[in-house]
Amino acid sequence: MTTDTGEPTLTIDELAARAGVTVRTVRFYGTKGLLPPPVLGPRRVGHYGREHLARLALIEEMQHQGMTLAAIERHLRQLPADLGPHDLAIHRAVVASWAPDTVETVSRAELQRRAGRRLTGEDLERLAAMNVVTPDTEGDGERDGESFRVDCGLLRLAVQLLDVPLAQETILAARTVLTGHARAAAHELSDLLREAVAERDTRDVKSLSAHMHPLVVQALLTTFQRSLREELRQWLDGADGPGGGDDGPGGGDGPHGGDGPEGAVGAGGPGPVGDAGGPGRSTDGPERSVNANGTV
């Protein structure tokens, strides 16, 4: 069966398998209103689409950040009802960015559990090239192939990048661009704010900094997202029209300009990363309640 747009649909079993949760969890989320109802096909069999898969991924990410089910319900109710899979994926990326800047030493088995997949030798080499996973060095200076130092805040992103159909050199070059512009933006904003509060009391400065941090991050994220969308629109419009895409995302002052919010995001926001994986990995997954400091 396909949707009105011609996209293939999933049965509840297929949806659960794709999302890495149980069928019981899918049904539970449906009764709580976290998932829209499926389209009923012949013999009243429910069919699910990309939006359901994207919503399950978003719910998993919010649980990973420490939000309770009640907090997730409140958050999802505030989202526009017409959000499509792409916008939900963007929202998930924003939620995932609130990760602590911590490095842990873990075994290979624990690393693969956190990655949610088996990691080959080539995968580990690529993660090492991204400075996310490095083999741990014991006291005698020899590498221990079963122990790794992991940047916990970037692991999930890096694992997703393993499946992106781009050359590793392109991914590393994009990382360099984002890091460079992000640091420059963070530095210039810090100088601007420092100058604005130079004459104030130290306690007032700390209070203002705590108040401004989330506002600046939100402004940077919004600006970058809109700039990137505009660059991609111009690129695709140019590719469809005569002369090709002279306005591609590498030119102009769009996402590679001074708006790079990645540095502000990387600076860390609220919300510890949990180690418990996604929702419903077992039959009692949805009922799990954890620290709600990750509320966005």
Protein backbone atom coordinates (compact mmCIF):
# COMPACT_ATOMS: atom_id res chain seq x y z
CA MET A 1 0.00 0.00 0.00
CA THR A 2 1.12 3.56 -0.69
CA THR A 3 0.11 7.01 0.53
CA ASP A 4 -1.52 9.73 -1.56
CA THR A 5 1.98 10.93 -2.48
CA GLY A 6 2.97 7.48 -3.72
CA GLU A 7 5.20 6.66 -0.75
CA PRO A 8 5.14 3.07 0.53
CA THR A 9 3.60 2.53 3.96
CA LEU A 10 4.59 0.30 6.87
CA THR A 11 2.60 -2.12 8.95
CA ILE A 12 2.88 -1.73 12.72
CA ASP A 13 5.39 -4.60 12.84
CA GLU A 14 7.52 -3.01 10.13
CA LEU A 15 7.34 0.41 11.81
CA ALA A 16 8.41 -1.04 15.16
CA ALA A 17 11.31 -2.89 13.56
CA ARG A 18 12.49 0.21 11.67
CA ALA A 19 12.27 2.36 14.80
CA GLY A 20 13.91 -0.21 17.06
CA VAL A 21 10.97 -0.39 19.50
CA THR A 22 8.30 -2.94 20.29
CA VAL A 23 4.84 -3.14 18.76
CA ARG A 24 3.48 -2.64 22.26
CA THR A 25 5.39 0.65 22.49
CA VAL A 26 3.95 1.89 19.18
CA ARG A 27 0.44 1.11 20.38
CA PHE A 28 1.11 2.73 23.76
CA TYR A 29 2.33 5.95 22.12
CA GLY A 30 -0.73 5.91 19.90
CA THR A 31 -3.11 5.72 22.86
CA LYS A 32 -1.22 8.59 24.55
CA GLY A 33 -1.61 10.76 21.45
CA LEU A 34 2.15 10.88 20.77
CA LEU A 35 1.64 9.31 17.34
CA PRO A 36 -1.10 10.23 14.86
CA PRO A 37 -3.47 7.37 13.99
CA PRO A 38 -2.52 5.15 11.05
CA VAL A 39 -4.33 5.08 7.74
CA LEU A 40 -6.71 2.12 7.71
CA GLY A 41 -6.41 -0.09 4.67
CA PRO A 42 -8.22 -3.25 3.57
CA ARG A 43 -9.44 -5.41 6.46
CA ARG A 44 -8.82 -2.39 8.72
CA VAL A 45 -5.07 -2.96 8.80
CA GLY A 46 -3.24 0.16 9.98
CA HIS A 47 -0.58 1.62 7.70
CA TYR A 48 2.11 4.02 8.89
CA GLY A 49 4.33 6.46 7.01
CA ARG A 50 7.55 8.46 7.32
CA GLU A 51 5.95 10.92 9.73
CA HIS A 52 5.32 8.14 12.26
CA LEU A 53 8.91 6.95 11.94
CA ALA A 54 10.22 10.51 12.38
CA ARG A 55 8.02 11.04 15.46
CA LEU A 56 9.27 7.82 17.04
CA ALA A 57 12.86 8.95 16.45
CA LEU A 58 12.08 12.31 18.07
CA ILE A 59 10.48 10.64 21.09
CA GLU A 60 13.51 8.37 21.44
CA GLU A 61 15.84 11.35 21.35
CA MET A 62 13.88 13.23 24.00
CA GLN A 63 13.93 10.18 26.27
CA HIS A 64 17.65 9.86 25.62
CA GLN A 65 18.04 13.44 26.84
CA GLY A 66 16.33 12.56 30.12
CA MET A 67 12.78 13.80 29.54
CA THR A 68 9.91 12.00 31.23
CA LEU A 69 6.99 10.72 29.20
CA ALA A 70 4.79 13.48 30.64
CA ALA A 71 7.31 16.13 29.56
CA ILE A 72 7.47 14.61 26.08
CA GLU A 73 3.67 14.70 25.83
CA ARG A 74 3.62 18.40 26.76
CA HIS A 75 6.38 19.18 24.30
CA LEU A 76 4.78 17.36 21.36
CA ARG A 77 1.45 19.08 21.99
CA GLN A 78 3.18 22.43 21.41
CA LEU A 79 4.47 21.44 17.96
CA PRO A 80 2.51 22.47 14.84
CA ALA A 81 0.17 19.69 13.79
CA ASP A 82 1.33 19.77 10.15
CA LEU A 83 5.03 19.11 10.78
CA GLY A 84 6.36 16.72 8.14
CA PRO A 85 9.14 14.13 8.44
CA HIS A 86 11.84 16.61 7.40
CA ASP A 87 10.84 19.21 9.99
CA LEU A 88 10.56 16.52 12.66
CA ALA A 89 14.08 15.37 11.79
CA ILE A 90 15.33 18.96 12.16
CA HIS A 91 13.59 19.21 15.52
CA ARG A 92 15.19 15.96 16.62
CA ALA A 93 18.61 17.30 15.61
CA VAL A 94 18.04 20.39 17.77
CA VAL A 95 17.05 18.22 20.74
CA ALA A 96 20.08 15.96 20.19
CA SER A 97 22.45 18.93 20.27
CA TRP A 98 21.95 19.38 24.03
CA ALA A 99 24.70 17.00 25.04
CA PRO A 100 27.42 17.32 27.68
CA ASP A 101 31.01 17.86 26.65
CA THR A 102 32.31 14.68 28.26
CA VAL A 103 34.75 11.95 27.27
CA GLU A 104 34.41 8.45 28.71
CA THR A 105 36.45 5.27 28.41
CA VAL A 106 34.26 2.30 27.50
CA SER A 107 34.63 -1.25 26.27
CA ARG A 108 33.92 -2.18 22.67
CA ALA A 109 30.70 -3.90 23.73
CA GLU A 110 29.52 -0.78 25.57
CA LEU A 111 30.53 1.43 22.64
CA GLN A 112 28.44 -0.66 20.27
CA ARG A 113 25.51 -0.61 22.69
CA ARG A 114 25.59 3.18 22.81
CA ALA A 115 25.99 3.36 19.04
CA GLY A 116 22.99 1.07 18.61
CA ARG A 117 24.77 -1.08 16.06
CA ARG A 118 27.76 -3.32 15.43
CA LEU A 119 30.85 -1.29 14.53
CA THR A 120 33.32 -2.72 12.04
CA GLY A 121 37.00 -1.91 11.95
CA GLU A 122 36.32 0.54 9.12
CA ASP A 123 33.58 2.20 11.18
CA LEU A 124 35.99 2.67 14.10
CA GLU A 125 38.60 4.18 11.78
CA ARG A 126 36.07 6.68 10.43
CA LEU A 127 34.88 7.57 13.94
CA ALA A 128 38.51 8.08 14.94
CA ALA A 129 39.04 10.38 11.94
CA MET A 130 36.13 12.47 13.24
CA ASN A 131 37.84 12.65 16.67
CA VAL A 132 34.82 11.00 18.27
CA VAL A 133 36.23 7.57 19.15
CA THR A 134 39.88 6.78 19.78
CA PRO A 135 41.50 3.55 21.02
CA ASP A 136 42.45 3.87 24.68
CA THR A 137 46.14 3.79 25.59
CA GLU A 138 47.16 1.74 28.60
CA GLY A 139 49.98 2.60 30.97
CA ASP A 140 52.55 0.71 28.91
CA GLY A 141 51.68 2.81 25.86
CA GLU A 142 50.15 -0.09 23.94
CA ARG A 143 46.74 0.27 22.36
CA ASP A 144 43.95 -1.79 23.82
CA GLY A 145 41.68 -2.73 20.95
CA GLU A 146 38.77 -3.44 23.30
CA SER A 147 38.80 -0.10 25.13
CA PHE A 148 37.97 3.28 23.62
CA ARG A 149 37.75 6.92 24.63
CA VAL A 150 34.43 8.32 23.41
CA ASP A 151 33.13 11.86 22.97
CA CYS A 152 29.65 11.13 24.31
CA GLY A 153 28.15 14.35 23.00
CA LEU A 154 29.07 13.58 19.39
CA LEU A 155 28.82 9.79 19.23
CA ARG A 156 25.21 9.55 18.05
CA LEU A 157 25.76 12.18 15.35
CA ALA A 158 28.96 10.52 14.16
CA VAL A 159 27.29 7.10 13.95
CA GLN A 160 24.54 8.58 11.75
CA LEU A 161 27.21 10.11 9.51
CA LEU A 162 28.60 6.61 8.87
CA ASP A 163 25.57 5.97 6.64
CA VAL A 164 25.66 9.30 4.77
CA PRO A 165 26.64 8.69 1.11
CA LEU A 166 29.47 11.25 1.14
CA ALA A 167 33.22 10.78 1.11
CA GLN A 168 34.92 10.93 4.49
CA GLU A 169 37.01 13.86 3.23
CA THR A 170 33.83 15.84 2.53
CA ILE A 171 32.44 15.16 6.00
CA LEU A 172 35.71 16.22 7.65
CA ALA A 173 35.89 19.35 5.49
CA ALA A 174 32.31 20.26 6.49
CA ARG A 175 33.25 19.75 10.14
CA THR A 176 36.19 22.12 9.73
CA VAL A 177 33.97 24.77 8.13
CA LEU A 178 31.33 24.51 10.86
CA THR A 179 33.85 24.51 13.70
CA GLY A 180 35.76 27.49 12.33
CA HIS A 181 32.74 29.69 11.75
CA ALA A 182 31.11 28.57 14.99
CA ARG A 183 34.11 29.54 17.06
CA ALA A 184 34.37 32.86 15.27
CA ALA A 185 30.67 33.59 15.89
CA ALA A 186 30.93 32.57 19.55
CA HIS A 187 34.02 34.78 20.00
CA GLU A 188 32.44 37.83 18.36
CA LEU A 189 29.21 37.45 20.33
CA SER A 190 31.16 37.07 23.58
CA ASP A 191 33.11 40.25 22.84
CA LEU A 192 29.89 42.09 22.02
CA LEU A 193 28.16 41.04 25.24
CA ARG A 194 31.28 41.59 27.32
CA GLU A 195 31.51 45.16 26.09
CA ALA A 196 27.80 45.75 26.75
CA VAL A 197 28.06 44.71 30.43
CA ALA A 198 31.57 45.92 31.18
CA GLU A 199 30.40 48.40 33.84
CA ARG A 200 27.98 46.09 35.63
CA ASP A 201 28.41 44.16 38.86
CA THR A 202 29.86 40.66 38.54
CA ARG A 203 26.69 39.02 39.88
CA ASP A 204 24.57 40.89 37.34
CA VAL A 205 26.88 39.75 34.55
CA LYS A 206 26.57 36.10 35.60
CA SER A 207 22.80 36.37 35.84
CA LEU A 208 22.53 38.02 32.43
CA SER A 209 24.85 35.44 30.89
CA ALA A 210 22.72 32.58 32.18
CA HIS A 211 19.60 34.31 30.83
CA MET A 212 21.11 35.13 27.42
CA HIS A 213 22.77 31.78 26.70
CA PRO A 214 19.62 29.86 25.64
CA LEU A 215 18.27 32.92 23.78
CA VAL A 216 21.48 33.29 21.77
CA VAL A 217 21.53 29.57 20.97
CA GLN A 218 17.93 29.69 19.78
CA ALA A 219 18.60 32.77 17.64
CA LEU A 220 21.68 31.19 16.08
CA LEU A 221 19.93 27.91 15.35
CA THR A 222 16.97 29.67 13.74
CA THR A 223 19.21 31.92 11.67
CA PHE A 224 21.38 29.05 10.50
CA GLN A 225 18.45 26.81 9.64
CA ARG A 226 16.77 29.54 7.57
CA SER A 227 20.03 30.44 5.85
CA LEU A 228 20.73 26.81 5.00
CA ARG A 229 17.20 26.29 3.69
CA GLU A 230 17.54 29.36 1.46
CA GLU A 231 20.94 28.24 0.16
CA LEU A 232 19.62 24.79 -0.66
CA ARG A 233 16.54 26.27 -2.35
CA GLN A 234 18.71 28.49 -4.55
CA TRP A 235 21.00 25.59 -5.31
CA LEU A 236 18.17 23.26 -6.32
CA ASP A 237 16.36 26.00 -8.28
CA GLY A 238 19.58 26.77 -10.11
CA ALA A 239 20.17 23.10 -10.87
CA ASP A 240 16.69 22.81 -12.38
CA GLY A 241 17.01 25.98 -14.44
CA PRO A 242 19.38 27.03 -17.25
CA GLY A 243 23.05 27.36 -16.44
CA GLY A 244 23.09 25.00 -13.45
CA GLY A 245 23.55 25.89 -9.80
CA ASP A 246 25.87 28.88 -9.52
CA ASP A 247 24.25 29.75 -6.21
CA GLY A 248 25.15 26.51 -4.48
CA PRO A 249 25.48 26.16 -0.75
CA GLY A 250 29.21 26.72 -0.87
CA GLY A 251 28.92 30.31 -2.08
CA GLY A 252 27.61 33.59 -0.77
CA ASP A 253 27.25 34.37 2.90
CA GLY A 254 24.71 31.69 3.79
CA PRO A 255 25.40 28.72 6.06
CA HIS A 256 29.15 29.16 5.77
CA GLY A 257 29.01 32.77 6.86
CA GLY A 258 29.21 34.19 10.33
CA ASP A 259 25.96 32.73 11.64
CA GLY A 260 27.35 29.30 12.48
CA PRO A 261 25.45 28.25 15.57
CA GLU A 262 27.28 25.01 15.95
CA GLY A 263 29.73 26.48 18.41
CA ALA A 264 26.95 27.75 20.66
CA VAL A 265 25.27 24.39 20.54
CA GLY A 266 28.53 22.62 21.21
CA ALA A 267 29.00 24.78 24.27
CA GLY A 268 26.42 22.59 25.93
CA GLY A 269 22.93 23.21 27.12
CA PRO A 270 20.70 21.61 29.71
CA GLY A 271 19.95 17.96 29.64
CA PRO A 272 22.21 15.04 30.53
CA VAL A 273 22.54 12.24 28.03
CA GLY A 274 21.14 9.03 29.40
CA ASP A 275 22.70 5.62 28.83
CA ALA A 276 19.44 3.73 28.62
CA GLY A 277 19.00 3.88 24.85
CA GLY A 278 15.68 4.55 23.14
CA PRO A 279 12.15 4.07 24.32
CA GLY A 280 10.52 0.67 24.43
CA ARG A 281 13.65 -1.37 23.90
CA SER A 282 11.90 -3.79 26.25
CA THR A 283 8.20 -4.27 26.83
CA ASP A 284 8.15 -1.84 29.74
CA GLY A 285 10.05 0.89 27.89
CA PRO A 286 7.38 3.63 27.69
CA GLU A 287 6.75 3.62 31.41
CA ARG A 288 10.36 4.60 32.19
CA SER A 289 10.62 7.95 34.04
CA VAL A 290 13.92 9.78 34.31
CA ASN A 291 15.31 13.20 35.15
CA ALA A 292 13.46 15.94 33.27
CA ASN A 293 16.37 18.39 33.12
CA GLY A 294 16.52 17.79 29.39
CA THR A 295 13.30 19.70 28.79
CA VAL A 296 13.70 21.85 25.71
